[in-house]
Amino acid sequence: MEHIGIGILLSVMVSAAAPIAAEHSVSKPALDSSAPAAAFTTVRSTEQFASCFGNTQDRVRQAWWFVPKEDGGTFSNLGAKNVAAAYYVVVSDEGARRQVRLEGEGANAVNRAVLQCI
């Protein structure tokens, strides 16, 4: 009986130490923080821009989420199903104006929505 227990223990240890197959590996998206794909300035408030952008994305049935911050917030589609490339729309308060930056590999997909809302 002791040999069976040791055999099972060794089997579990070998399985745990085995490398993960490529099709099951988890990879994190690479974020290129060197430069935004595009940057804009708007006089709209963060709330006005957020409402416009969210409504625009809803109309075209695109995934999005928004995380507000004290001085703006970030939109993205990261984590949504069937998304080939994530985008980030970063809104930063700068006094009377807001800077809107498009970042990430999927930034081109939301360029039109951003332009409609700035």
PDB file of N, CA and C in Angstrom:
ATOM      1  N   MET A   1       0.821  -1.187   0.000  1.00  0.00           N
ATOM      2  CA  MET A   1       0.000   0.000   0.000  1.00  0.00           C
ATOM      3  C   MET A   1       0.868   1.254   0.000  1.00  0.00           C
ATOM      4  N   GLU A   2       1.979   1.176   0.717  1.00  0.00           N
ATOM      5  CA  GLU A   2       2.885   2.315   0.794  1.00  0.00           C
ATOM      6  C   GLU A   2       3.492   2.611  -0.575  1.00  0.00           C
ATOM      7  N   HIS A   3       3.755   1.580  -1.373  1.00  0.00           N
ATOM      8  CA  HIS A   3       4.330   1.763  -2.708  1.00  0.00           C
ATOM      9  C   HIS A   3       3.347   2.476  -3.634  1.00  0.00           C
ATOM     10  N   ILE A   4       2.071   2.203  -3.464  1.00  0.00           N
ATOM     11  CA  ILE A   4       1.052   2.867  -4.291  1.00  0.00           C
ATOM     12  C   ILE A   4       1.005   4.345  -3.949  1.00  0.00           C
ATOM     13  N   GLY A   5       1.037   4.688  -2.690  1.00  0.00           N
ATOM     14  CA  GLY A   5       1.021   6.092  -2.247  1.00  0.00           C
ATOM     15  C   GLY A   5       2.230   6.845  -2.762  1.00  0.00           C
ATOM     16  N   ILE A   6       3.401   6.216  -2.699  1.00  0.00           N
ATOM     17  CA  ILE A   6       4.622   6.857  -3.198  1.00  0.00           C
ATOM     18  C   ILE A   6       4.544   7.028  -4.711  1.00  0.00           C
ATOM     19  N   GLY A   7       4.000   6.029  -5.406  1.00  0.00           N
ATOM     20  CA  GLY A   7       3.843   6.111  -6.861  1.00  0.00           C
ATOM     21  C   GLY A   7       2.922   7.249  -7.262  1.00  0.00           C
ATOM     22  N   ILE A   8       1.822   7.404  -6.545  1.00  0.00           N
ATOM     23  CA  ILE A   8       0.884   8.501  -6.835  1.00  0.00           C
ATOM     24  C   ILE A   8       1.542   9.842  -6.557  1.00  0.00           C
ATOM     25  N   LEU A   9       2.251   9.952  -5.455  1.00  0.00           N
ATOM     26  CA  LEU A   9       2.941  11.186  -5.100  1.00  0.00           C
ATOM     27  C   LEU A   9       3.959  11.574  -6.174  1.00  0.00           C
ATOM     28  N   LEU A  10       4.758  10.595  -6.631  1.00  0.00           N
ATOM     29  CA  LEU A  10       5.736  10.870  -7.684  1.00  0.00           C
ATOM     30  C   LEU A  10       5.049  11.275  -8.987  1.00  0.00           C
ATOM     31  N   SER A  11       3.941  10.646  -9.298  1.00  0.00           N
ATOM     32  CA  SER A  11       3.187  10.972 -10.507  1.00  0.00           C
ATOM     33  C   SER A  11       2.681  12.417 -10.463  1.00  0.00           C
ATOM     34  N   VAL A  12       2.173  12.838  -9.332  1.00  0.00           N
ATOM     35  CA  VAL A  12       1.684  14.215  -9.167  1.00  0.00           C
ATOM     36  C   VAL A  12       2.831  15.205  -9.293  1.00  0.00           C
ATOM     37  N   MET A  13       3.966  14.889  -8.704  1.00  0.00           N
ATOM     38  CA  MET A  13       5.117  15.786  -8.751  1.00  0.00           C
ATOM     39  C   MET A  13       5.635  15.931 -10.187  1.00  0.00           C
ATOM     40  N   VAL A  14       5.694  14.843 -10.929  1.00  0.00           N
ATOM     41  CA  VAL A  14       6.166  14.896 -12.311  1.00  0.00           C
ATOM     42  C   VAL A  14       5.195  15.701 -13.161  1.00  0.00           C
ATOM     43  N   SER A  15       3.903  15.507 -12.959  1.00  0.00           N
ATOM     44  CA  SER A  15       2.899  16.258 -13.716  1.00  0.00           C
ATOM     45  C   SER A  15       2.987  17.750 -13.427  1.00  0.00           C
ATOM     46  N   ALA A  16       3.205  18.098 -12.177  1.00  0.00           N
ATOM     47  CA  ALA A  16       3.282  19.513 -11.799  1.00  0.00           C
ATOM     48  C   ALA A  16       4.535  20.167 -12.368  1.00  0.00           C
ATOM     49  N   ALA A  17       5.605  19.411 -12.509  1.00  0.00           N
ATOM     50  CA  ALA A  17       6.861  19.962 -13.001  1.00  0.00           C
ATOM     51  C   ALA A  17       6.935  19.998 -14.525  1.00  0.00           C
ATOM     52  N   ALA A  18       6.017  19.335 -15.205  1.00  0.00           N
ATOM     53  CA  ALA A  18       6.044  19.278 -16.673  1.00  0.00           C
ATOM     54  C   ALA A  18       5.752  20.651 -17.255  1.00  0.00           C
ATOM     55  N   PRO A  19       6.389  20.997 -18.396  1.00  0.00           N
ATOM     56  CA  PRO A  19       6.109  22.296 -19.025  1.00  0.00           C
ATOM     57  C   PRO A  19       4.683  22.339 -19.556  1.00  0.00           C
ATOM     58  N   ILE A  20       4.151  23.543 -19.628  1.00  0.00           N
ATOM     59  CA  ILE A  20       2.793  23.744 -20.134  1.00  0.00           C
ATOM     60  C   ILE A  20       2.843  23.734 -21.649  1.00  0.00           C
ATOM     61  N   ALA A  21       1.890  23.044 -22.257  1.00  0.00           N
ATOM     62  CA  ALA A  21       1.808  22.997 -23.721  1.00  0.00           C
ATOM     63  C   ALA A  21       1.516  24.386 -24.262  1.00  0.00           C
ATOM     64  N   ALA A  22       2.013  24.700 -25.449  1.00  0.00           N
ATOM     65  CA  ALA A  22       1.875  26.036 -26.035  1.00  0.00           C
ATOM     66  C   ALA A  22       0.413  26.456 -26.166  1.00  0.00           C
ATOM     67  N   GLU A  23      -0.482  25.527 -26.524  1.00  0.00           N
ATOM     68  CA  GLU A  23      -1.876  25.916 -26.708  1.00  0.00           C
ATOM     69  C   GLU A  23      -2.589  26.235 -25.405  1.00  0.00           C
ATOM     70  N   HIS A  24      -1.977  25.898 -24.283  1.00  0.00           N
ATOM     71  CA  HIS A  24      -2.603  26.175 -22.992  1.00  0.00           C
ATOM     72  C   HIS A  24      -1.868  27.235 -22.204  1.00  0.00           C
ATOM     73  N   SER A  25      -0.829  27.801 -22.759  1.00  0.00           N
ATOM     74  CA  SER A  25      -0.069  28.796 -22.008  1.00  0.00           C
ATOM     75  C   SER A  25      -0.844  30.100 -21.942  1.00  0.00           C
ATOM     76  N   VAL A  26      -0.597  30.846 -20.900  1.00  0.00           N
ATOM     77  CA  VAL A  26      -1.243  32.127 -20.693  1.00  0.00           C
ATOM     78  C   VAL A  26      -0.237  33.215 -21.017  1.00  0.00           C
ATOM     79  N   SER A  27      -0.633  34.134 -21.880  1.00  0.00           N
ATOM     80  CA  SER A  27       0.264  35.234 -22.202  1.00  0.00           C
ATOM     81  C   SER A  27      -0.431  36.547 -21.876  1.00  0.00           C
ATOM     82  N   LYS A  28       0.343  37.493 -21.425  1.00  0.00           N
ATOM     83  CA  LYS A  28      -0.188  38.812 -21.125  1.00  0.00           C
ATOM     84  C   LYS A  28       0.031  39.701 -22.339  1.00  0.00           C
ATOM     85  N   PRO A  29      -0.916  40.616 -22.611  1.00  0.00           N
ATOM     86  CA  PRO A  29      -0.726  41.493 -23.757  1.00  0.00           C
ATOM     87  C   PRO A  29       0.454  42.420 -23.528  1.00  0.00           C
ATOM     88  N   ALA A  30       1.202  42.663 -24.576  1.00  0.00           N
ATOM     89  CA  ALA A  30       2.331  43.583 -24.482  1.00  0.00           C
ATOM     90  C   ALA A  30       1.813  45.001 -24.609  1.00  0.00           C
ATOM     91  N   LEU A  31       2.176  45.838 -23.669  1.00  0.00           N
ATOM     92  CA  LEU A  31       1.760  47.227 -23.703  1.00  0.00           C
ATOM     93  C   LEU A  31       2.938  48.077 -24.139  1.00  0.00           C
ATOM     94  N   ASP A  32       2.764  48.797 -25.221  1.00  0.00           N
ATOM     95  CA  ASP A  32       3.805  49.686 -25.687  1.00  0.00           C
ATOM     96  C   ASP A  32       3.531  51.058 -25.092  1.00  0.00           C
ATOM     97  N   SER A  33       4.288  51.423 -24.071  1.00  0.00           N
ATOM     98  CA  SER A  33       4.055  52.689 -23.396  1.00  0.00           C
ATOM     99  C   SER A  33       4.924  53.807 -23.958  1.00  0.00           C
ATOM    100  N   SER A  34       5.626  53.549 -25.052  1.00  0.00           N
ATOM    101  CA  SER A  34       6.543  54.547 -25.581  1.00  0.00           C
ATOM    102  C   SER A  34       5.810  55.771 -26.119  1.00  0.00           C
ATOM    103  N   ALA A  35       4.726  55.577 -26.840  1.00  0.00           N
ATOM    104  CA  ALA A  35       4.005  56.715 -27.402  1.00  0.00           C
ATOM    105  C   ALA A  35       2.569  56.317 -27.705  1.00  0.00           C
ATOM    106  N   PRO A  36       1.627  57.250 -27.519  1.00  0.00           N
ATOM    107  CA  PRO A  36       0.247  56.945 -27.878  1.00  0.00           C
ATOM    108  C   PRO A  36       0.085  56.873 -29.384  1.00  0.00           C
ATOM    109  N   ALA A  37      -0.923  56.127 -29.838  1.00  0.00           N
ATOM    110  CA  ALA A  37      -1.221  56.055 -31.271  1.00  0.00           C
ATOM    111  C   ALA A  37      -1.699  57.413 -31.759  1.00  0.00           C
ATOM    112  N   ALA A  38      -2.408  58.135 -30.905  1.00  0.00           N
ATOM    113  CA  ALA A  38      -2.900  59.477 -31.236  1.00  0.00           C
ATOM    114  C   ALA A  38      -3.230  60.201 -29.937  1.00  0.00           C
ATOM    115  N   ALA A  39      -3.165  61.516 -29.960  1.00  0.00           N
ATOM    116  CA  ALA A  39      -3.523  62.319 -28.786  1.00  0.00           C
ATOM    117  C   ALA A  39      -4.339  63.513 -29.252  1.00  0.00           C
ATOM    118  N   PHE A  40      -5.381  63.831 -28.501  1.00  0.00           N
ATOM    119  CA  PHE A  40      -6.282  64.926 -28.836  1.00  0.00           C
ATOM    120  C   PHE A  40      -6.539  65.755 -27.592  1.00  0.00           C
ATOM    121  N   THR A  41      -7.063  66.950 -27.794  1.00  0.00           N
ATOM    122  CA  THR A  41      -7.469  67.811 -26.691  1.00  0.00           C
ATOM    123  C   THR A  41      -8.928  68.178 -26.906  1.00  0.00           C
ATOM    124  N   THR A  42      -9.693  68.209 -25.810  1.00  0.00           N
ATOM    125  CA  THR A  42     -11.108  68.572 -25.898  1.00  0.00           C
ATOM    126  C   THR A  42     -11.481  69.479 -24.733  1.00  0.00           C
ATOM    127  N   VAL A  43     -12.493  70.309 -24.948  1.00  0.00           N
ATOM    128  CA  VAL A  43     -13.019  71.140 -23.869  1.00  0.00           C
ATOM    129  C   VAL A  43     -14.186  70.451 -23.174  1.00  0.00           C
ATOM    130  N   ARG A  44     -14.628  69.317 -23.722  1.00  0.00           N
ATOM    131  CA  ARG A  44     -15.705  68.559 -23.072  1.00  0.00           C
ATOM    132  C   ARG A  44     -15.208  68.029 -21.733  1.00  0.00           C
ATOM    133  N   SER A  45     -16.126  67.912 -20.786  1.00  0.00           N
ATOM    134  CA  SER A  45     -15.767  67.337 -19.489  1.00  0.00           C
ATOM    135  C   SER A  45     -15.522  65.837 -19.652  1.00  0.00           C
ATOM    136  N   THR A  46     -14.882  65.246 -18.669  1.00  0.00           N
ATOM    137  CA  THR A  46     -14.661  63.799 -18.696  1.00  0.00           C
ATOM    138  C   THR A  46     -15.996  63.070 -18.790  1.00  0.00           C
ATOM    139  N   GLU A  47     -16.996  63.530 -18.031  1.00  0.00           N
ATOM    140  CA  GLU A  47     -18.308  62.896 -18.029  1.00  0.00           C
ATOM    141  C   GLU A  47     -18.971  62.983 -19.408  1.00  0.00           C
ATOM    142  N   GLN A  48     -18.867  64.158 -20.058  1.00  0.00           N
ATOM    143  CA  GLN A  48     -19.449  64.319 -21.386  1.00  0.00           C
ATOM    144  C   GLN A  48     -18.763  63.402 -22.401  1.00  0.00           C
ATOM    145  N   PHE A  49     -17.436  63.364 -22.359  1.00  0.00           N
ATOM    146  CA  PHE A  49     -16.711  62.496 -23.282  1.00  0.00           C
ATOM    147  C   PHE A  49     -17.054  61.034 -23.008  1.00  0.00           C
ATOM    148  N   ALA A  50     -17.071  60.651 -21.733  1.00  0.00           N
ATOM    149  CA  ALA A  50     -17.360  59.257 -21.362  1.00  0.00           C
ATOM    150  C   ALA A  50     -18.749  58.836 -21.834  1.00  0.00           C
ATOM    151  N   SER A  51     -19.722  59.694 -21.656  1.00  0.00           N
ATOM    152  CA  SER A  51     -21.084  59.380 -22.091  1.00  0.00           C
ATOM    153  C   SER A  51     -21.143  59.221 -23.614  1.00  0.00           C
ATOM    154  N   CYS A  52     -20.525  60.136 -24.335  1.00  0.00           N
ATOM    155  CA  CYS A  52     -20.513  60.062 -25.800  1.00  0.00           C
ATOM    156  C   CYS A  52     -19.797  58.805 -26.279  1.00  0.00           C
ATOM    157  N   PHE A  53     -18.613  58.542 -25.740  1.00  0.00           N
ATOM    158  CA  PHE A  53     -17.836  57.390 -26.189  1.00  0.00           C
ATOM    159  C   PHE A  53     -18.571  56.089 -25.877  1.00  0.00           C
ATOM    160  N   GLY A  54     -19.101  55.967 -24.666  1.00  0.00           N
ATOM    161  CA  GLY A  54     -19.848  54.765 -24.287  1.00  0.00           C
ATOM    162  C   GLY A  54     -21.053  54.539 -25.179  1.00  0.00           C
ATOM    163  N   ASN A  55     -21.811  55.608 -25.456  1.00  0.00           N
ATOM    164  CA  ASN A  55     -22.983  55.488 -26.338  1.00  0.00           C
ATOM    165  C   ASN A  55     -22.578  55.099 -27.752  1.00  0.00           C
ATOM    166  N   THR A  56     -21.469  55.658 -28.234  1.00  0.00           N
ATOM    167  CA  THR A  56     -20.981  55.323 -29.571  1.00  0.00           C
ATOM    168  C   THR A  56     -20.594  53.854 -29.650  1.00  0.00           C
ATOM    169  N   GLN A  57     -19.893  53.371 -28.655  1.00  0.00           N
ATOM    170  CA  GLN A  57     -19.491  51.959 -28.645  1.00  0.00           C
ATOM    171  C   GLN A  57     -20.708  51.045 -28.524  1.00  0.00           C
ATOM    172  N   ASP A  58     -21.687  51.451 -27.730  1.00  0.00           N
ATOM    173  CA  ASP A  58     -22.917  50.659 -27.614  1.00  0.00           C
ATOM    174  C   ASP A  58     -23.659  50.572 -28.950  1.00  0.00           C
ATOM    175  N   ARG A  59     -23.737  51.692 -29.668  1.00  0.00           N
ATOM    176  CA  ARG A  59     -24.450  51.709 -30.958  1.00  0.00           C
ATOM    177  C   ARG A  59     -23.846  50.729 -31.951  1.00  0.00           C
ATOM    178  N   VAL A  60     -22.523  50.596 -31.945  1.00  0.00           N
ATOM    179  CA  VAL A  60     -21.874  49.675 -32.889  1.00  0.00           C
ATOM    180  C   VAL A  60     -21.587  48.315 -32.242  1.00  0.00           C
ATOM    181  N   ARG A  61     -22.162  48.107 -31.062  1.00  0.00           N
ATOM    182  CA  ARG A  61     -22.079  46.832 -30.337  1.00  0.00           C
ATOM    183  C   ARG A  61     -20.640  46.366 -30.106  1.00  0.00           C
ATOM    184  N   GLN A  62     -19.822  47.303 -29.628  1.00  0.00           N
ATOM    185  CA  GLN A  62     -18.437  46.981 -29.293  1.00  0.00           C
ATOM    186  C   GLN A  62     -18.270  46.948 -27.781  1.00  0.00           C
ATOM    187  N   ALA A  63     -17.448  46.035 -27.337  1.00  0.00           N
ATOM    188  CA  ALA A  63     -17.195  45.904 -25.901  1.00  0.00           C
ATOM    189  C   ALA A  63     -16.380  47.098 -25.394  1.00  0.00           C
ATOM    190  N   TRP A  64     -16.695  47.547 -24.178  1.00  0.00           N
ATOM    191  CA  TRP A  64     -15.909  48.607 -23.557  1.00  0.00           C
ATOM    192  C   TRP A  64     -16.148  48.594 -22.053  1.00  0.00           C
ATOM    193  N   TRP A  65     -15.232  49.136 -21.334  1.00  0.00           N
ATOM    194  CA  TRP A  65     -15.389  49.401 -19.907  1.00  0.00           C
ATOM    195  C   TRP A  65     -14.689  50.709 -19.601  1.00  0.00           C
ATOM    196  N   PHE A  66     -15.035  51.332 -18.489  1.00  0.00           N
ATOM    197  CA  PHE A  66     -14.462  52.613 -18.095  1.00  0.00           C
ATOM    198  C   PHE A  66     -14.103  52.564 -16.627  1.00  0.00           C
ATOM    199  N   VAL A  67     -12.896  52.991 -16.316  1.00  0.00           N
ATOM    200  CA  VAL A  67     -12.452  53.102 -14.928  1.00  0.00           C
ATOM    201  C   VAL A  67     -12.190  54.577 -14.662  1.00  0.00           C
ATOM    202  N   PRO A  68     -13.056  55.219 -13.865  1.00  0.00           N
ATOM    203  CA  PRO A  68     -12.839  56.637 -13.579  1.00  0.00           C
ATOM    204  C   PRO A  68     -11.683  56.843 -12.598  1.00  0.00           C
ATOM    205  N   LYS A  69     -11.016  57.967 -12.748  1.00  0.00           N
ATOM    206  CA  LYS A  69      -9.977  58.393 -11.817  1.00  0.00           C
ATOM    207  C   LYS A  69     -10.317  59.807 -11.361  1.00  0.00           C
ATOM    208  N   GLU A  70      -9.594  60.274 -10.391  1.00  0.00           N
ATOM    209  CA  GLU A  70      -9.821  61.626  -9.890  1.00  0.00           C
ATOM    210  C   GLU A  70      -9.616  62.669 -10.985  1.00  0.00           C
ATOM    211  N   ASP A  71      -8.671  62.412 -11.883  1.00  0.00           N
ATOM    212  CA  ASP A  71      -8.351  63.399 -12.924  1.00  0.00           C
ATOM    213  C   ASP A  71      -8.623  62.867 -14.333  1.00  0.00           C
ATOM    214  N   GLY A  72      -9.670  62.072 -14.508  1.00  0.00           N
ATOM    215  CA  GLY A  72     -10.019  61.536 -15.828  1.00  0.00           C
ATOM    216  C   GLY A  72     -10.497  60.100 -15.740  1.00  0.00           C
ATOM    217  N   GLY A  73      -9.882  59.225 -16.548  1.00  0.00           N
ATOM    218  CA  GLY A  73     -10.254  57.819 -16.526  1.00  0.00           C
ATOM    219  C   GLY A  73      -9.736  57.097 -17.747  1.00  0.00           C
ATOM    220  N   THR A  74      -9.983  55.797 -17.800  1.00  0.00           N
ATOM    221  CA  THR A  74      -9.499  54.967 -18.900  1.00  0.00           C
ATOM    222  C   THR A  74     -10.618  54.080 -19.434  1.00  0.00           C
ATOM    223  N   PHE A  75     -10.766  54.070 -20.755  1.00  0.00           N
ATOM    224  CA  PHE A  75     -11.642  53.146 -21.461  1.00  0.00           C
ATOM    225  C   PHE A  75     -10.779  52.041 -22.042  1.00  0.00           C
ATOM    226  N   SER A  76     -11.339  50.840 -22.166  1.00  0.00           N
ATOM    227  CA  SER A  76     -10.641  49.749 -22.836  1.00  0.00           C
ATOM    228  C   SER A  76     -11.625  48.656 -23.212  1.00  0.00           C
ATOM    229  N   ASN A  77     -11.139  47.742 -24.039  1.00  0.00           N
ATOM    230  CA  ASN A  77     -11.886  46.532 -24.360  1.00  0.00           C
ATOM    231  C   ASN A  77     -11.113  45.301 -23.897  1.00  0.00           C
ATOM    232  N   LEU A  78     -10.055  45.516 -23.146  1.00  0.00           N
ATOM    233  CA  LEU A  78      -9.219  44.423 -22.660  1.00  0.00           C
ATOM    234  C   LEU A  78     -10.049  43.426 -21.860  1.00  0.00           C
ATOM    235  N   GLY A  79      -9.927  42.167 -22.190  1.00  0.00           N
ATOM    236  CA  GLY A  79     -10.633  41.119 -21.466  1.00  0.00           C
ATOM    237  C   GLY A  79     -11.957  40.703 -22.087  1.00  0.00           C
ATOM    238  N   ALA A  80     -12.435  41.468 -23.066  1.00  0.00           N
ATOM    239  CA  ALA A  80     -13.701  41.116 -23.712  1.00  0.00           C
ATOM    240  C   ALA A  80     -13.496  39.943 -24.662  1.00  0.00           C
ATOM    241  N   LYS A  81     -14.539  39.147 -24.835  1.00  0.00           N
ATOM    242  CA  LYS A  81     -14.470  38.014 -25.765  1.00  0.00           C
ATOM    243  C   LYS A  81     -14.320  38.514 -27.199  1.00  0.00           C
ATOM    244  N   ASN A  82     -13.653  37.736 -28.006  1.00  0.00           N
ATOM    245  CA  ASN A  82     -13.498  38.000 -29.441  1.00  0.00           C
ATOM    246  C   ASN A  82     -12.803  39.322 -29.755  1.00  0.00           C
ATOM    247  N   VAL A  83     -11.910  39.773 -28.880  1.00  0.00           N
ATOM    248  CA  VAL A  83     -11.149  40.993 -29.129  1.00  0.00           C
ATOM    249  C   VAL A  83      -9.751  40.597 -29.578  1.00  0.00           C
ATOM    250  N   ALA A  84      -9.407  40.976 -30.801  1.00  0.00           N
ATOM    251  CA  ALA A  84      -8.091  40.619 -31.350  1.00  0.00           C
ATOM    252  C   ALA A  84      -6.985  41.485 -30.778  1.00  0.00           C
ATOM    253  N   ALA A  85      -7.266  42.769 -30.551  1.00  0.00           N
ATOM    254  CA  ALA A  85      -6.254  43.690 -30.040  1.00  0.00           C
ATOM    255  C   ALA A  85      -6.920  44.695 -29.109  1.00  0.00           C
ATOM    256  N   ALA A  86      -6.337  44.881 -27.957  1.00  0.00           N
ATOM    257  CA  ALA A  86      -6.904  45.782 -26.955  1.00  0.00           C
ATOM    258  C   ALA A  86      -6.561  47.234 -27.269  1.00  0.00           C
ATOM    259  N   TYR A  87      -7.489  48.129 -26.926  1.00  0.00           N
ATOM    260  CA  TYR A  87      -7.234  49.565 -27.014  1.00  0.00           C
ATOM    261  C   TYR A  87      -7.362  50.158 -25.615  1.00  0.00           C
ATOM    262  N   TYR A  88      -6.781  51.314 -25.452  1.00  0.00           N
ATOM    263  CA  TYR A  88      -6.905  52.096 -24.236  1.00  0.00           C
ATOM    264  C   TYR A  88      -7.152  53.528 -24.656  1.00  0.00           C
ATOM    265  N   VAL A  89      -8.197  54.135 -24.142  1.00  0.00           N
ATOM    266  CA  VAL A  89      -8.464  55.552 -24.354  1.00  0.00           C
ATOM    267  C   VAL A  89      -8.302  56.187 -22.981  1.00  0.00           C
ATOM    268  N   VAL A  90      -7.242  56.951 -22.826  1.00  0.00           N
ATOM    269  CA  VAL A  90      -6.897  57.541 -21.536  1.00  0.00           C
ATOM    270  C   VAL A  90      -7.292  59.014 -21.554  1.00  0.00           C
ATOM    271  N   VAL A  91      -8.180  59.395 -20.632  1.00  0.00           N
ATOM    272  CA  VAL A  91      -8.652  60.773 -20.531  1.00  0.00           C
ATOM    273  C   VAL A  91      -8.008  61.392 -19.289  1.00  0.00           C
ATOM    274  N   SER A  92      -7.321  62.521 -19.495  1.00  0.00           N
ATOM    275  CA  SER A  92      -6.632  63.195 -18.390  1.00  0.00           C
ATOM    276  C   SER A  92      -7.086  64.644 -18.312  1.00  0.00           C
ATOM    277  N   ASP A  93      -7.562  65.055 -17.129  1.00  0.00           N
ATOM    278  CA  ASP A  93      -7.943  66.445 -16.909  1.00  0.00           C
ATOM    279  C   ASP A  93      -6.705  67.323 -16.888  1.00  0.00           C
ATOM    280  N   GLU A  94      -6.788  68.435 -17.602  1.00  0.00           N
ATOM    281  CA  GLU A  94      -5.715  69.432 -17.601  1.00  0.00           C
ATOM    282  C   GLU A  94      -6.341  70.802 -17.436  1.00  0.00           C
ATOM    283  N   GLY A  95      -7.005  71.000 -16.300  1.00  0.00           N
ATOM    284  CA  GLY A  95      -7.673  72.274 -16.059  1.00  0.00           C
ATOM    285  C   GLY A  95      -8.955  72.378 -16.864  1.00  0.00           C
ATOM    286  N   ALA A  96      -9.014  73.374 -17.757  1.00  0.00           N
ATOM    287  CA  ALA A  96     -10.221  73.609 -18.555  1.00  0.00           C
ATOM    288  C   ALA A  96     -10.322  72.657 -19.744  1.00  0.00           C
ATOM    289  N   ARG A  97      -9.280  71.896 -20.002  1.00  0.00           N
ATOM    290  CA  ARG A  97      -9.259  70.963 -21.140  1.00  0.00           C
ATOM    291  C   ARG A  97      -8.954  69.550 -20.669  1.00  0.00           C
ATOM    292  N   ARG A  98      -9.261  68.583 -21.529  1.00  0.00           N
ATOM    293  CA  ARG A  98      -8.927  67.195 -21.282  1.00  0.00           C
ATOM    294  C   ARG A  98      -8.051  66.702 -22.415  1.00  0.00           C
ATOM    295  N   GLN A  99      -7.035  65.928 -22.078  1.00  0.00           N
ATOM    296  CA  GLN A  99      -6.242  65.252 -23.098  1.00  0.00           C
ATOM    297  C   GLN A  99      -6.808  63.848 -23.253  1.00  0.00           C
ATOM    298  N   VAL A 100      -6.995  63.419 -24.493  1.00  0.00           N
ATOM    299  CA  VAL A 100      -7.508  62.087 -24.803  1.00  0.00           C
ATOM    300  C   VAL A 100      -6.433  61.382 -25.627  1.00  0.00           C
ATOM    301  N   ARG A 101      -5.871  60.292 -25.075  1.00  0.00           N
ATOM    302  CA  ARG A 101      -4.815  59.540 -25.760  1.00  0.00           C
ATOM    303  C   ARG A 101      -5.336  58.166 -26.146  1.00  0.00           C
ATOM    304  N   LEU A 102      -5.036  57.756 -27.369  1.00  0.00           N
ATOM    305  CA  LEU A 102      -5.341  56.404 -27.838  1.00  0.00           C
ATOM    306  C   LEU A 102      -4.069  55.583 -27.718  1.00  0.00           C
ATOM    307  N   GLU A 103      -4.165  54.433 -27.072  1.00  0.00           N
ATOM    308  CA  GLU A 103      -3.010  53.576 -26.878  1.00  0.00           C
ATOM    309  C   GLU A 103      -3.386  52.130 -27.136  1.00  0.00           C
ATOM    310  N   GLY A 104      -2.398  51.300 -27.373  1.00  0.00           N
ATOM    311  CA  GLY A 104      -2.605  49.873 -27.567  1.00  0.00           C
ATOM    312  C   GLY A 104      -2.731  49.507 -29.028  1.00  0.00           C
ATOM    313  N   GLU A 105      -2.602  48.206 -29.290  1.00  0.00           N
ATOM    314  CA  GLU A 105      -2.640  47.703 -30.663  1.00  0.00           C
ATOM    315  C   GLU A 105      -3.998  47.908 -31.329  1.00  0.00           C
ATOM    316  N   GLY A 106      -5.067  47.984 -30.557  1.00  0.00           N
ATOM    317  CA  GLY A 106      -6.402  48.145 -31.121  1.00  0.00           C
ATOM    318  C   GLY A 106      -6.875  49.584 -31.197  1.00  0.00           C
ATOM    319  N   ALA A 107      -5.972  50.543 -31.008  1.00  0.00           N
ATOM    320  CA  ALA A 107      -6.352  51.956 -30.966  1.00  0.00           C
ATOM    321  C   ALA A 107      -7.014  52.434 -32.249  1.00  0.00           C
ATOM    322  N   ASN A 108      -6.564  51.947 -33.384  1.00  0.00           N
ATOM    323  CA  ASN A 108      -7.154  52.391 -34.657  1.00  0.00           C
ATOM    324  C   ASN A 108      -8.631  52.047 -34.760  1.00  0.00           C
ATOM    325  N   ALA A 109      -9.062  50.994 -34.079  1.00  0.00           N
ATOM    326  CA  ALA A 109     -10.466  50.566 -34.148  1.00  0.00           C
ATOM    327  C   ALA A 109     -11.413  51.564 -33.494  1.00  0.00           C
ATOM    328  N   VAL A 110     -10.927  52.395 -32.576  1.00  0.00           N
ATOM    329  CA  VAL A 110     -11.805  53.345 -31.896  1.00  0.00           C
ATOM    330  C   VAL A 110     -11.486  54.792 -32.238  1.00  0.00           C
ATOM    331  N   ASN A 111     -10.599  55.002 -33.183  1.00  0.00           N
ATOM    332  CA  ASN A 111     -10.220  56.362 -33.572  1.00  0.00           C
ATOM    333  C   ASN A 111     -11.433  57.179 -33.994  1.00  0.00           C
ATOM    334  N   ARG A 112     -12.307  56.580 -34.783  1.00  0.00           N
ATOM    335  CA  ARG A 112     -13.501  57.278 -35.264  1.00  0.00           C
ATOM    336  C   ARG A 112     -14.423  57.677 -34.111  1.00  0.00           C
ATOM    337  N   ALA A 113     -14.629  56.781 -33.163  1.00  0.00           N
ATOM    338  CA  ALA A 113     -15.489  57.076 -32.011  1.00  0.00           C
ATOM    339  C   ALA A 113     -14.911  58.221 -31.179  1.00  0.00           C
ATOM    340  N   VAL A 114     -13.602  58.208 -30.991  1.00  0.00           N
ATOM    341  CA  VAL A 114     -12.956  59.274 -30.232  1.00  0.00           C
ATOM    342  C   VAL A 114     -13.125  60.612 -30.960  1.00  0.00           C
ATOM    343  N   LEU A 115     -12.892  60.619 -32.269  1.00  0.00           N
ATOM    344  CA  LEU A 115     -13.024  61.846 -33.036  1.00  0.00           C
ATOM    345  C   LEU A 115     -14.458  62.400 -32.978  1.00  0.00           C
ATOM    346  N   GLN A 116     -15.460  61.526 -32.925  1.00  0.00           N
ATOM    347  CA  GLN A 116     -16.846  61.964 -32.821  1.00  0.00           C
ATOM    348  C   GLN A 116     -17.140  62.617 -31.475  1.00  0.00           C
ATOM    349  N   CYS A 117     -16.375  62.231 -30.459  1.00  0.00           N
ATOM    350  CA  CYS A 117     -16.698  62.668 -29.103  1.00  0.00           C
ATOM    351  C   CYS A 117     -15.820  63.783 -28.556  1.00  0.00           C
ATOM    352  N   ILE A 118     -14.731  64.099 -29.229  1.00  0.00           N
ATOM    353  CA  ILE A 118     -13.887  65.179 -28.709  1.00  0.00           C
ATOM    354  C   ILE A 118     -14.493  66.495 -29.078  1.00  0.00           C
TER     355      ILE A 118
END
